[in-house]
Amino acid sequence: MPILHETLLRLWTLDRDVIAIAWLSLRVSLTAVSIGLLVGIPLGALVAVARFPGCGILTGLLNAFMGLPPVIVGLVLYLVLSRSGPLGSLGLLFTPSAMIAAQATLATPLVAALTRQVVADAEIHLGEQLRSLGLSAPRRAGILIYDVRFSLVTAALAAFGRAISEIGAVLVVGGNIAGHTRTMTTAISLETQKGDLSLALALGLLLMGLVVAVNAVAALLRGYAAKAYG
C-alpha cells in the first residue's frame, strides 16, 4: 500500500513546520481548556447547588450550549474582533489569541454542564448535611467541587477533545495562516483539499497521538492522586 508507506515515512521524517503546527495546536487547546475549567467548574457547581428562579432554564441553556455550532461561534467572534467590531482595536483577529477565545467559548459550556451533573449527584448525598451547617451556596459548591475533583477529570478531557479537534471556529477567526495560525485540523483539511493524502494522514495520526498522550498522562495523574488522597 503506497499511501500507507508514504504516510509512515512522513511521520518518521517530521519537519520543523509540522512540529510547530503540532505545538501550536497543543498550546492553543490547553490554554482554551484551562480557561474553560476556570470558568465552567465554578459555574456548573453553583448552578447545581443554588436555588433561584430560572435555575432550570439556566441548566437547560448549559446543556444546549454543549452543542454550540462551531461555525456560528467563529462567526460571532469574527464580528466582535473584526476591525469594525467592538473589540477590533485589539487586533486579535487571525491570531492564536482569537483561536483560544473560540475554543474556550466551545469548551466552557461543556465543562459547566458536565460539572453541574457531577456536583448535583454529589449534592444528593451531602447537600442536606452542608445546608444544616448554614454554609452559603458558594461554600457548598467549593466543598463539593473538592469532593468530586477526580471525577471532573472526565470533564477536562472531554473539553480537550472538543477543543483540539475543532476546525470550523478556528478556521474563521484564525485564517489558517502558515507559520502563524495553522493548526493540526486546519492543516489536515488543507492537505486533503490539495490531494496530499499521505501528509494529511500523517498529521491525523500525529493528532491522535497527541490526544492519546494527553489522556494517558491525565489518567496516570488521576490514579496517582486518587491513591495519595484516597
Protein backbone atom coordinates (compact mmCIF):
# COMPACT_ATOMS: atom_id res chain seq x y z
CA MET A 1 0.00 0.00 0.00
CA PRO A 2 2.00 3.00 -1.26
CA ILE A 3 -0.04 5.62 0.60
CA LEU A 4 0.47 3.81 3.93
CA HIS A 5 4.20 3.52 3.31
CA GLU A 6 4.42 7.20 2.40
CA THR A 7 2.36 8.15 5.45
CA LEU A 8 4.70 6.27 7.79
CA LEU A 9 7.68 7.85 6.06
CA ARG A 10 6.18 11.30 6.55
CA LEU A 11 5.69 10.55 10.25
CA TRP A 12 9.29 9.34 10.57
CA THR A 13 10.67 12.47 8.90
CA LEU A 14 8.56 15.17 10.51
CA ASP A 15 9.97 18.61 9.72
CA ARG A 16 10.04 21.78 11.79
CA ASP A 17 6.84 23.13 10.23
CA VAL A 18 4.81 20.08 11.25
CA ILE A 19 6.25 20.14 14.77
CA ALA A 20 5.44 23.86 15.02
CA ILE A 21 1.87 23.17 13.89
CA ALA A 22 1.50 20.40 16.49
CA TRP A 23 2.91 22.62 19.24
CA LEU A 24 0.59 25.50 18.32
CA SER A 25 -2.42 23.16 18.35
CA LEU A 26 -1.47 21.80 21.76
CA ARG A 27 -0.73 25.24 23.22
CA VAL A 28 -3.97 26.79 21.95
CA SER A 29 -6.14 23.89 23.09
CA LEU A 30 -4.59 23.53 26.54
CA THR A 31 -4.94 27.27 27.14
CA ALA A 32 -8.56 27.24 25.98
CA VAL A 33 -9.39 24.24 28.17
CA SER A 34 -7.72 25.90 31.18
CA ILE A 35 -9.98 28.93 30.67
CA GLY A 36 -12.97 26.62 30.28
CA LEU A 37 -12.15 24.87 33.55
CA LEU A 38 -11.61 28.10 35.48
CA VAL A 39 -14.99 29.43 34.34
CA GLY A 40 -17.02 26.27 33.78
CA ILE A 41 -16.34 24.36 37.00
CA PRO A 42 -17.46 27.13 39.42
CA LEU A 43 -20.40 28.00 37.17
CA GLY A 44 -21.60 24.41 36.88
CA ALA A 45 -21.20 23.78 40.62
CA LEU A 46 -23.12 26.93 41.55
CA VAL A 47 -25.98 26.02 39.23
CA ALA A 48 -26.06 22.55 40.83
CA VAL A 49 -26.32 23.74 44.45
CA ALA A 50 -28.06 27.13 44.24
CA ARG A 51 -31.82 27.53 44.27
CA PHE A 52 -33.05 30.58 42.40
CA PRO A 53 -35.76 31.49 39.88
CA GLY A 54 -34.74 30.39 36.41
CA CYS A 55 -32.33 27.71 37.63
CA GLY A 56 -33.99 25.12 35.41
CA ILE A 57 -33.75 27.43 32.41
CA LEU A 58 -30.05 28.02 33.05
CA THR A 59 -29.47 24.28 33.33
CA GLY A 60 -31.24 23.80 30.01
CA LEU A 61 -29.12 26.50 28.40
CA LEU A 62 -25.91 24.90 29.63
CA ASN A 63 -26.97 21.58 28.16
CA ALA A 64 -27.98 23.24 24.90
CA PHE A 65 -24.72 25.17 24.63
CA MET A 66 -22.80 21.89 24.81
CA GLY A 67 -23.79 21.53 21.17
CA LEU A 68 -22.94 25.05 20.02
CA PRO A 69 -22.23 25.01 16.25
CA PRO A 70 -18.52 25.89 15.93
CA VAL A 71 -19.02 27.90 12.75
CA ILE A 72 -21.60 30.11 14.46
CA VAL A 73 -19.19 30.69 17.35
CA GLY A 74 -16.50 31.59 14.84
CA LEU A 75 -18.80 33.97 13.01
CA VAL A 76 -19.87 35.80 16.17
CA LEU A 77 -16.26 36.13 17.33
CA TYR A 78 -15.25 37.30 13.86
CA LEU A 79 -17.84 40.10 14.03
CA VAL A 80 -16.70 41.06 17.54
CA LEU A 81 -12.98 41.01 16.72
CA SER A 82 -13.12 42.44 13.19
CA ARG A 83 -11.91 45.98 12.55
CA SER A 84 -15.47 47.36 12.73
CA GLY A 85 -16.39 45.25 15.79
CA PRO A 86 -16.40 46.34 19.43
CA LEU A 87 -13.01 44.68 20.11
CA GLY A 88 -11.49 45.35 16.72
CA SER A 89 -8.97 47.83 18.13
CA LEU A 90 -7.25 44.98 19.98
CA GLY A 91 -6.08 43.44 16.72
CA LEU A 92 -6.81 39.87 17.82
CA LEU A 93 -8.40 38.59 14.62
CA PHE A 94 -6.29 35.98 12.79
CA THR A 95 -4.07 35.42 15.82
CA PRO A 96 -3.67 32.47 18.22
CA SER A 97 -5.49 34.55 20.85
CA ALA A 98 -8.62 34.58 18.70
CA MET A 99 -8.34 30.83 18.27
CA ILE A 100 -8.05 30.39 22.04
CA ALA A 101 -11.16 32.53 22.51
CA ALA A 102 -13.07 30.38 20.02
CA GLN A 103 -12.07 27.10 21.61
CA ALA A 104 -12.68 28.42 25.14
CA THR A 105 -16.19 29.51 24.10
CA LEU A 106 -16.89 25.95 22.97
CA ALA A 107 -15.21 24.26 25.94
CA THR A 108 -16.74 26.31 28.77
CA PRO A 109 -20.41 25.22 28.38
CA LEU A 110 -19.28 21.60 28.05
CA VAL A 111 -17.28 21.79 31.28
CA ALA A 112 -20.07 23.65 33.08
CA ALA A 113 -22.78 21.17 32.05
CA LEU A 114 -20.71 18.10 32.98
CA THR A 115 -19.66 19.70 36.27
CA ARG A 116 -23.26 20.56 37.11
CA GLN A 117 -24.29 16.94 36.67
CA VAL A 118 -21.39 15.54 38.72
CA VAL A 119 -21.87 18.07 41.55
CA ALA A 120 -25.66 17.60 41.52
CA ASP A 121 -25.18 13.86 42.03
CA ALA A 122 -22.81 14.54 44.95
CA GLU A 123 -25.22 17.12 46.38
CA ILE A 124 -27.90 14.45 46.74
CA HIS A 125 -25.75 12.71 49.36
CA LEU A 126 -24.04 15.67 51.04
CA GLY A 127 -26.30 18.63 50.34
CA GLU A 128 -28.58 18.32 53.36
CA GLN A 129 -25.62 17.98 55.72
CA LEU A 130 -23.87 21.03 54.24
CA ARG A 131 -27.05 23.12 54.38
CA SER A 132 -27.55 22.17 58.02
CA LEU A 133 -24.19 23.81 58.75
CA GLY A 134 -25.52 27.09 57.41
CA LEU A 135 -23.00 27.27 54.57
CA SER A 136 -23.65 29.59 51.66
CA ALA A 137 -24.12 28.27 48.12
CA PRO A 138 -20.58 29.23 47.01
CA ARG A 139 -19.09 27.48 50.09
CA ARG A 140 -21.15 24.35 49.44
CA ALA A 141 -20.17 24.43 45.79
CA GLY A 142 -16.49 24.68 46.70
CA ILE A 143 -16.68 21.74 49.11
CA LEU A 144 -18.50 19.59 46.56
CA ILE A 145 -16.00 20.50 43.83
CA TYR A 146 -13.21 19.26 46.07
CA ASP A 147 -15.17 16.11 46.87
CA VAL A 148 -15.68 15.21 43.18
CA ARG A 149 -12.35 16.60 41.91
CA PHE A 150 -11.22 13.28 40.44
CA SER A 151 -14.49 12.84 38.54
CA LEU A 152 -14.03 16.28 36.98
CA VAL A 153 -11.00 14.97 35.08
CA THR A 154 -13.54 13.48 32.67
CA ALA A 155 -14.96 16.94 32.01
CA ALA A 156 -11.46 18.29 31.36
CA LEU A 157 -10.67 15.50 28.91
CA ALA A 158 -13.99 15.95 27.10
CA ALA A 159 -13.27 19.67 26.75
CA PHE A 160 -9.76 18.99 25.48
CA GLY A 161 -11.09 16.52 22.92
CA ARG A 162 -13.55 19.07 21.60
CA ALA A 163 -11.01 21.89 21.58
CA ILE A 164 -8.14 20.16 19.80
CA SER A 165 -10.42 18.60 17.18
CA GLU A 166 -12.11 21.91 16.38
CA ILE A 167 -11.78 23.30 12.85
CA GLY A 168 -14.81 25.47 11.99
CA ALA A 169 -14.46 28.30 14.51
CA VAL A 170 -10.66 28.16 14.43
CA LEU A 171 -10.63 28.50 10.65
CA VAL A 172 -12.97 31.51 10.71
CA VAL A 173 -11.09 33.53 13.35
CA GLY A 174 -7.59 32.13 12.75
CA GLY A 175 -7.45 32.14 8.97
CA ASN A 176 -5.14 29.08 8.66
CA ILE A 177 -2.07 31.28 8.13
CA ALA A 178 1.11 29.24 7.59
CA GLY A 179 3.57 29.61 10.44
CA HIS A 180 1.13 31.69 12.49
CA THR A 181 -2.35 30.21 12.96
CA ARG A 182 -2.23 26.86 11.16
CA THR A 183 -3.29 24.04 13.47
CA MET A 184 -3.39 20.29 13.03
CA THR A 185 -7.04 20.21 11.99
CA THR A 186 -6.81 23.11 9.53
CA ALA A 187 -3.59 21.66 8.08
CA ILE A 188 -5.29 18.28 7.60
CA SER A 189 -8.18 19.96 5.80
CA LEU A 190 -5.80 21.94 3.58
CA GLU A 191 -3.62 18.96 2.64
CA THR A 192 -6.70 16.85 1.88
CA GLN A 193 -8.01 19.55 -0.47
CA LYS A 194 -4.58 19.73 -2.13
CA GLY A 195 -4.64 15.95 -2.65
CA ASP A 196 -1.64 15.23 -0.41
CA LEU A 197 -3.37 12.40 1.43
CA SER A 198 -0.20 10.90 2.89
CA LEU A 199 0.66 14.14 4.67
CA ALA A 200 -2.97 14.57 5.80
CA LEU A 201 -2.93 11.03 7.22
CA ALA A 202 0.40 11.62 8.90
CA LEU A 203 -0.95 14.77 10.53
CA GLY A 204 -4.08 12.89 11.56
CA LEU A 205 -2.05 10.13 13.20
CA LEU A 206 0.06 12.74 14.97
CA LEU A 207 -3.10 14.46 16.21
CA MET A 208 -4.46 11.15 17.52
CA GLY A 209 -1.13 10.51 19.20
CA LEU A 210 -1.30 13.86 20.99
CA VAL A 211 -4.85 13.16 22.19
CA VAL A 212 -3.94 9.69 23.44
CA ALA A 213 -0.81 11.02 25.17
CA VAL A 214 -2.73 13.77 26.99
CA ASN A 215 -5.42 11.29 28.06
CA ALA A 216 -2.78 8.83 29.27
CA VAL A 217 -0.99 11.50 31.32
CA ALA A 218 -4.31 12.62 32.81
CA ALA A 219 -5.23 9.03 33.70
CA LEU A 220 -1.86 8.47 35.38
CA LEU A 221 -2.13 11.69 37.37
CA ARG A 222 -5.69 10.88 38.37
CA GLY A 223 -4.69 7.40 39.53
CA TYR A 224 -1.70 8.72 41.47
CA ALA A 225 -3.75 11.48 43.11
CA ALA A 226 -6.56 9.05 44.00
CA LYS A 227 -4.07 6.79 45.77
CA ALA A 228 -2.38 9.72 47.53
CA TYR A 229 -5.64 11.22 48.82
CA GLY A 230 -7.73 8.09 48.96
